Amino acid sequence: MLLKNGVYGVSYDQVAALNQSRVGDPVYTCLVKLPRHCPPGDNRGKLYTTTNLRTEESWTLPDAEHMCGGA
């Protein structure tokens, strides 16, 4: 998932709330967790919760497949 503001959401599974979303739906996105003790330059691992304001459904996804310092 890529939001208009450049925030990525990554999941290996189907996300039910995303299935109900449409291109152009207004959403509210909140950064809920920052990774700690990451190697310099490795910015992966942020966790975002997004709510679709049309459907009122929410989902929480990381911004990368791996946390910082991971594979």
PDB file of N, CA and C in Angstrom:
ATOM      1  N   MET A   1       0.835  -1.153   0.000  1.00  0.00           N
ATOM      2  CA  MET A   1       0.000   0.000   0.000  1.00  0.00           C
ATOM      3  C   MET A   1       0.892   1.232   0.000  1.00  0.00           C
ATOM      4  N   LEU A   2       0.583   2.187  -0.835  1.00  0.00           N
ATOM      5  CA  LEU A   2       1.298   3.462  -0.886  1.00  0.00           C
ATOM      6  C   LEU A   2       0.269   4.578  -0.801  1.00  0.00           C
ATOM      7  N   LEU A   3       0.446   5.431   0.196  1.00  0.00           N
ATOM      8  CA  LEU A   3      -0.455   6.559   0.349  1.00  0.00           C
ATOM      9  C   LEU A   3       0.075   7.761  -0.422  1.00  0.00           C
ATOM     10  N   LYS A   4      -0.788   8.699  -0.692  1.00  0.00           N
ATOM     11  CA  LYS A   4      -0.430   9.886  -1.459  1.00  0.00           C
ATOM     12  C   LYS A   4       0.697  10.679  -0.805  1.00  0.00           C
ATOM     13  N   ASN A   5       0.807  10.612   0.533  1.00  0.00           N
ATOM     14  CA  ASN A   5       1.847  11.338   1.250  1.00  0.00           C
ATOM     15  C   ASN A   5       3.186  10.609   1.266  1.00  0.00           C
ATOM     16  N   GLY A   6       3.271   9.454   0.571  1.00  0.00           N
ATOM     17  CA  GLY A   6       4.516   8.716   0.467  1.00  0.00           C
ATOM     18  C   GLY A   6       4.717   7.641   1.519  1.00  0.00           C
ATOM     19  N   VAL A   7       3.787   7.484   2.438  1.00  0.00           N
ATOM     20  CA  VAL A   7       3.892   6.451   3.466  1.00  0.00           C
ATOM     21  C   VAL A   7       3.583   5.095   2.848  1.00  0.00           C
ATOM     22  N   TYR A   8       4.470   4.132   3.120  1.00  0.00           N
ATOM     23  CA  TYR A   8       4.272   2.760   2.658  1.00  0.00           C
ATOM     24  C   TYR A   8       3.686   1.916   3.772  1.00  0.00           C
ATOM     25  N   GLY A   9       2.930   0.914   3.418  1.00  0.00           N
ATOM     26  CA  GLY A   9       2.469  -0.117   4.332  1.00  0.00           C
ATOM     27  C   GLY A   9       2.715  -1.455   3.668  1.00  0.00           C
ATOM     28  N   VAL A  10       3.366  -2.370   4.391  1.00  0.00           N
ATOM     29  CA  VAL A  10       3.773  -3.646   3.799  1.00  0.00           C
ATOM     30  C   VAL A  10       3.170  -4.799   4.593  1.00  0.00           C
ATOM     31  N   SER A  11       2.578  -5.751   3.875  1.00  0.00           N
ATOM     32  CA  SER A  11       2.044  -6.953   4.499  1.00  0.00           C
ATOM     33  C   SER A  11       2.117  -8.102   3.507  1.00  0.00           C
ATOM     34  N   TYR A  12       2.434  -9.288   4.014  1.00  0.00           N
ATOM     35  CA  TYR A  12       2.411 -10.494   3.182  1.00  0.00           C
ATOM     36  C   TYR A  12       0.996 -11.046   3.063  1.00  0.00           C
ATOM     37  N   ASP A  13       0.092 -10.585   3.924  1.00  0.00           N
ATOM     38  CA  ASP A  13      -1.277 -11.086   3.969  1.00  0.00           C
ATOM     39  C   ASP A  13      -2.249 -10.063   3.398  1.00  0.00           C
ATOM     40  N   GLN A  14      -3.430 -10.541   3.014  1.00  0.00           N
ATOM     41  CA  GLN A  14      -4.514  -9.635   2.630  1.00  0.00           C
ATOM     42  C   GLN A  14      -4.935  -8.867   3.876  1.00  0.00           C
ATOM     43  N   VAL A  15      -5.195  -7.595   3.730  1.00  0.00           N
ATOM     44  CA  VAL A  15      -5.673  -6.772   4.838  1.00  0.00           C
ATOM     45  C   VAL A  15      -7.129  -6.429   4.536  1.00  0.00           C
ATOM     46  N   ALA A  16      -8.038  -7.000   5.335  1.00  0.00           N
ATOM     47  CA  ALA A  16      -9.471  -6.878   5.053  1.00  0.00           C
ATOM     48  C   ALA A  16      -9.906  -5.425   4.922  1.00  0.00           C
ATOM     49  N   ALA A  17      -9.425  -4.552   5.788  1.00  0.00           N
ATOM     50  CA  ALA A  17      -9.830  -3.140   5.740  1.00  0.00           C
ATOM     51  C   ALA A  17      -9.387  -2.480   4.437  1.00  0.00           C
ATOM     52  N   LEU A  18      -8.273  -2.908   3.896  1.00  0.00           N
ATOM     53  CA  LEU A  18      -7.807  -2.360   2.620  1.00  0.00           C
ATOM     54  C   LEU A  18      -8.681  -2.818   1.461  1.00  0.00           C
ATOM     55  N   ASN A  19      -9.230  -4.015   1.565  1.00  0.00           N
ATOM     56  CA  ASN A  19     -10.099  -4.519   0.502  1.00  0.00           C
ATOM     57  C   ASN A  19     -11.326  -3.638   0.316  1.00  0.00           C
ATOM     58  N   GLN A  20     -11.767  -2.982   1.378  1.00  0.00           N
ATOM     59  CA  GLN A  20     -12.948  -2.124   1.317  1.00  0.00           C
ATOM     60  C   GLN A  20     -12.611  -0.698   0.866  1.00  0.00           C
ATOM     61  N   SER A  21     -11.314  -0.379   0.808  1.00  0.00           N
ATOM     62  CA  SER A  21     -10.881   0.971   0.449  1.00  0.00           C
ATOM     63  C   SER A  21     -10.875   1.169  -1.056  1.00  0.00           C
ATOM     64  N   ARG A  22     -11.043   2.420  -1.458  1.00  0.00           N
ATOM     65  CA  ARG A  22     -11.021   2.791  -2.871  1.00  0.00           C
ATOM     66  C   ARG A  22      -9.969   3.876  -3.079  1.00  0.00           C
ATOM     67  N   VAL A  23      -9.413   3.909  -4.272  1.00  0.00           N
ATOM     68  CA  VAL A  23      -8.491   4.985  -4.621  1.00  0.00           C
ATOM     69  C   VAL A  23      -9.214   6.313  -4.418  1.00  0.00           C
ATOM     70  N   GLY A  24      -8.559   7.227  -3.743  1.00  0.00           N
ATOM     71  CA  GLY A  24      -9.139   8.542  -3.504  1.00  0.00           C
ATOM     72  C   GLY A  24      -9.877   8.683  -2.181  1.00  0.00           C
ATOM     73  N   ASP A  25     -10.074   7.569  -1.464  1.00  0.00           N
ATOM     74  CA  ASP A  25     -10.710   7.668  -0.145  1.00  0.00           C
ATOM     75  C   ASP A  25      -9.850   8.530   0.773  1.00  0.00           C
ATOM     76  N   PRO A  26     -10.466   9.391   1.569  1.00  0.00           N
ATOM     77  CA  PRO A  26      -9.694  10.145   2.550  1.00  0.00           C
ATOM     78  C   PRO A  26      -9.281   9.224   3.697  1.00  0.00           C
ATOM     79  N   VAL A  27      -8.059   9.380   4.152  1.00  0.00           N
ATOM     80  CA  VAL A  27      -7.563   8.563   5.261  1.00  0.00           C
ATOM     81  C   VAL A  27      -6.853   9.446   6.275  1.00  0.00           C
ATOM     82  N   TYR A  28      -6.733   8.929   7.476  1.00  0.00           N
ATOM     83  CA  TYR A  28      -5.972   9.556   8.550  1.00  0.00           C
ATOM     84  C   TYR A  28      -4.877   8.567   8.912  1.00  0.00           C
ATOM     85  N   THR A  29      -3.619   8.998   8.848  1.00  0.00           N
ATOM     86  CA  THR A  29      -2.490   8.117   9.128  1.00  0.00           C
ATOM     87  C   THR A  29      -1.709   8.654  10.314  1.00  0.00           C
ATOM     88  N   CYS A  30      -1.360   7.762  11.220  1.00  0.00           N
ATOM     89  CA  CYS A  30      -0.648   8.149  12.430  1.00  0.00           C
ATOM     90  C   CYS A  30       0.567   7.236  12.616  1.00  0.00           C
ATOM     91  N   LEU A  31       1.720   7.837  12.843  1.00  0.00           N
ATOM     92  CA  LEU A  31       2.929   7.080  13.187  1.00  0.00           C
ATOM     93  C   LEU A  31       2.778   6.620  14.626  1.00  0.00           C
ATOM     94  N   VAL A  32       2.746   5.299  14.854  1.00  0.00           N
ATOM     95  CA  VAL A  32       2.490   4.776  16.197  1.00  0.00           C
ATOM     96  C   VAL A  32       3.722   4.179  16.865  1.00  0.00           C
ATOM     97  N   LYS A  33       4.774   3.897  16.089  1.00  0.00           N
ATOM     98  CA  LYS A  33       5.977   3.326  16.701  1.00  0.00           C
ATOM     99  C   LYS A  33       7.192   3.601  15.823  1.00  0.00           C
ATOM    100  N   LEU A  34       8.265   4.010  16.468  1.00  0.00           N
ATOM    101  CA  LEU A  34       9.544   4.212  15.791  1.00  0.00           C
ATOM    102  C   LEU A  34      10.507   3.118  16.226  1.00  0.00           C
ATOM    103  N   PRO A  35      11.323   2.602  15.302  1.00  0.00           N
ATOM    104  CA  PRO A  35      12.308   1.600  15.692  1.00  0.00           C
ATOM    105  C   PRO A  35      13.393   2.244  16.554  1.00  0.00           C
ATOM    106  N   ARG A  36      14.051   1.442  17.361  1.00  0.00           N
ATOM    107  CA  ARG A  36      15.120   1.933  18.226  1.00  0.00           C
ATOM    108  C   ARG A  36      16.405   1.176  17.955  1.00  0.00           C
ATOM    109  N   HIS A  37      17.514   1.833  18.227  1.00  0.00           N
ATOM    110  CA  HIS A  37      18.845   1.226  18.132  1.00  0.00           C
ATOM    111  C   HIS A  37      19.143   0.708  16.727  1.00  0.00           C
ATOM    112  N   CYS A  38      18.818   1.504  15.726  1.00  0.00           N
ATOM    113  CA  CYS A  38      19.039   1.109  14.331  1.00  0.00           C
ATOM    114  C   CYS A  38      20.421   1.527  13.861  1.00  0.00           C
ATOM    115  N   PRO A  39      20.989   0.774  12.923  1.00  0.00           N
ATOM    116  CA  PRO A  39      22.261   1.185  12.324  1.00  0.00           C
ATOM    117  C   PRO A  39      22.085   2.519  11.593  1.00  0.00           C
ATOM    118  N   PRO A  40      23.117   3.335  11.532  1.00  0.00           N
ATOM    119  CA  PRO A  40      23.026   4.605  10.813  1.00  0.00           C
ATOM    120  C   PRO A  40      22.547   4.399   9.375  1.00  0.00           C
ATOM    121  N   GLY A  41      21.577   5.198   8.953  1.00  0.00           N
ATOM    122  CA  GLY A  41      21.072   5.131   7.586  1.00  0.00           C
ATOM    123  C   GLY A  41      19.988   4.103   7.350  1.00  0.00           C
ATOM    124  N   ASP A  42      19.708   3.249   8.335  1.00  0.00           N
ATOM    125  CA  ASP A  42      18.670   2.227   8.182  1.00  0.00           C
ATOM    126  C   ASP A  42      17.395   2.762   8.824  1.00  0.00           C
ATOM    127  N   ASN A  43      16.488   3.259   8.011  1.00  0.00           N
ATOM    128  CA  ASN A  43      15.282   3.923   8.500  1.00  0.00           C
ATOM    129  C   ASN A  43      14.047   3.032   8.495  1.00  0.00           C
ATOM    130  N   ARG A  44      14.217   1.744   8.273  1.00  0.00           N
ATOM    131  CA  ARG A  44      13.069   0.831   8.223  1.00  0.00           C
ATOM    132  C   ARG A  44      12.494   0.578   9.611  1.00  0.00           C
ATOM    133  N   GLY A  45      11.239   0.136   9.619  1.00  0.00           N
ATOM    134  CA  GLY A  45      10.640  -0.338  10.851  1.00  0.00           C
ATOM    135  C   GLY A  45       9.630   0.587  11.495  1.00  0.00           C
ATOM    136  N   LYS A  46       9.271   1.667  10.836  1.00  0.00           N
ATOM    137  CA  LYS A  46       8.217   2.528  11.384  1.00  0.00           C
ATOM    138  C   LYS A  46       6.881   1.805  11.260  1.00  0.00           C
ATOM    139  N   LEU A  47       6.015   2.016  12.245  1.00  0.00           N
ATOM    140  CA  LEU A  47       4.710   1.375  12.255  1.00  0.00           C
ATOM    141  C   LEU A  47       3.644   2.455  12.194  1.00  0.00           C
ATOM    142  N   TYR A  48       2.716   2.322  11.233  1.00  0.00           N
ATOM    143  CA  TYR A  48       1.663   3.309  11.015  1.00  0.00           C
ATOM    144  C   TYR A  48       0.292   2.663  11.163  1.00  0.00           C
ATOM    145  N   THR A  49      -0.612   3.394  11.785  1.00  0.00           N
ATOM    146  CA  THR A  49      -2.022   3.006  11.779  1.00  0.00           C
ATOM    147  C   THR A  49      -2.755   3.988  10.873  1.00  0.00           C
ATOM    148  N   THR A  50      -3.534   3.444   9.960  1.00  0.00           N
ATOM    149  CA  THR A  50      -4.289   4.255   9.011  1.00  0.00           C
ATOM    150  C   THR A  50      -5.765   3.933   9.153  1.00  0.00           C
ATOM    151  N   THR A  51      -6.589   4.966   9.142  1.00  0.00           N
ATOM    152  CA  THR A  51      -8.038   4.809   9.192  1.00  0.00           C
ATOM    153  C   THR A  51      -8.640   5.403   7.925  1.00  0.00           C
ATOM    154  N   ASN A  52      -9.440   4.606   7.251  1.00  0.00           N
ATOM    155  CA  ASN A  52     -10.180   5.089   6.092  1.00  0.00           C
ATOM    156  C   ASN A  52     -11.382   5.853   6.629  1.00  0.00           C
ATOM    157  N   LEU A  53     -11.471   7.134   6.303  1.00  0.00           N
ATOM    158  CA  LEU A  53     -12.531   7.972   6.847  1.00  0.00           C
ATOM    159  C   LEU A  53     -13.890   7.708   6.210  1.00  0.00           C
ATOM    160  N   ARG A  54     -13.898   7.047   5.053  1.00  0.00           N
ATOM    161  CA  ARG A  54     -15.180   6.687   4.422  1.00  0.00           C
ATOM    162  C   ARG A  54     -15.753   5.439   5.074  1.00  0.00           C
ATOM    163  N   THR A  55     -14.918   4.408   5.242  1.00  0.00           N
ATOM    164  CA  THR A  55     -15.398   3.139   5.778  1.00  0.00           C
ATOM    165  C   THR A  55     -15.261   3.051   7.291  1.00  0.00           C
ATOM    166  N   GLU A  56     -14.443   3.926   7.880  1.00  0.00           N
ATOM    167  CA  GLU A  56     -14.133   3.932   9.310  1.00  0.00           C
ATOM    168  C   GLU A  56     -13.412   2.669   9.759  1.00  0.00           C
ATOM    169  N   GLU A  57     -12.775   1.976   8.825  1.00  0.00           N
ATOM    170  CA  GLU A  57     -11.968   0.803   9.162  1.00  0.00           C
ATOM    171  C   GLU A  57     -10.504   1.217   9.260  1.00  0.00           C
ATOM    172  N   SER A  58      -9.769   0.540  10.143  1.00  0.00           N
ATOM    173  CA  SER A  58      -8.360   0.864  10.368  1.00  0.00           C
ATOM    174  C   SER A  58      -7.485  -0.359  10.185  1.00  0.00           C
ATOM    175  N   TRP A  59      -6.200  -0.095   9.914  1.00  0.00           N
ATOM    176  CA  TRP A  59      -5.204  -1.151   9.819  1.00  0.00           C
ATOM    177  C   TRP A  59      -3.870  -0.583  10.283  1.00  0.00           C
ATOM    178  N   THR A  60      -3.018  -1.465  10.762  1.00  0.00           N
ATOM    179  CA  THR A  60      -1.681  -1.080  11.213  1.00  0.00           C
ATOM    180  C   THR A  60      -0.670  -1.916  10.457  1.00  0.00           C
ATOM    181  N   LEU A  61       0.280  -1.233   9.801  1.00  0.00           N
ATOM    182  CA  LEU A  61       1.291  -1.916   8.990  1.00  0.00           C
ATOM    183  C   LEU A  61       2.648  -1.252   9.163  1.00  0.00           C
ATOM    184  N   PRO A  62       3.721  -2.053   9.038  1.00  0.00           N
ATOM    185  CA  PRO A  62       5.058  -1.470   9.021  1.00  0.00           C
ATOM    186  C   PRO A  62       5.358  -0.869   7.653  1.00  0.00           C
ATOM    187  N   ASP A  63       6.422  -0.071   7.579  1.00  0.00           N
ATOM    188  CA  ASP A  63       6.788   0.574   6.314  1.00  0.00           C
ATOM    189  C   ASP A  63       7.773  -0.238   5.490  1.00  0.00           C
ATOM    190  N   ALA A  64       8.136  -1.428   5.969  1.00  0.00           N
ATOM    191  CA  ALA A  64       9.088  -2.277   5.245  1.00  0.00           C
ATOM    192  C   ALA A  64       8.863  -3.739   5.635  1.00  0.00           C
ATOM    193  N   GLU A  65       9.411  -4.644   4.835  1.00  0.00           N
ATOM    194  CA  GLU A  65       9.270  -6.076   5.115  1.00  0.00           C
ATOM    195  C   GLU A  65      10.030  -6.497   6.368  1.00  0.00           C
ATOM    196  N   HIS A  66      11.127  -5.771   6.676  1.00  0.00           N
ATOM    197  CA  HIS A  66      11.970  -6.121   7.817  1.00  0.00           C
ATOM    198  C   HIS A  66      12.199  -4.889   8.683  1.00  0.00           C
ATOM    199  N   MET A  67      12.434  -5.121   9.958  1.00  0.00           N
ATOM    200  CA  MET A  67      12.767  -4.032  10.850  1.00  0.00           C
ATOM    201  C   MET A  67      14.191  -3.592  10.586  1.00  0.00           C
ATOM    202  N   CYS A  68      14.550  -2.415  11.088  1.00  0.00           N
ATOM    203  CA  CYS A  68      15.914  -1.927  10.869  1.00  0.00           C
ATOM    204  C   CYS A  68      16.919  -2.946  11.429  1.00  0.00           C
ATOM    205  N   GLY A  69      18.040  -3.072  10.741  1.00  0.00           N
ATOM    206  CA  GLY A  69      19.063  -4.030  11.137  1.00  0.00           C
ATOM    207  C   GLY A  69      18.764  -5.449  10.698  1.00  0.00           C
ATOM    208  N   GLY A  70      17.553  -5.689  10.126  1.00  0.00           N
ATOM    209  CA  GLY A  70      17.158  -7.034   9.695  1.00  0.00           C
ATOM    210  C   GLY A  70      17.622  -7.312   8.280  1.00  0.00           C
ATOM    211  N   ALA A  71      17.259  -8.478   7.769  1.00  0.00           N
ATOM    212  CA  ALA A  71      17.657  -8.921   6.437  1.00  0.00           C
ATOM    213  C   ALA A  71      17.136  -8.025   5.355  1.00  0.00           C
TER     214      ALA A  71
END
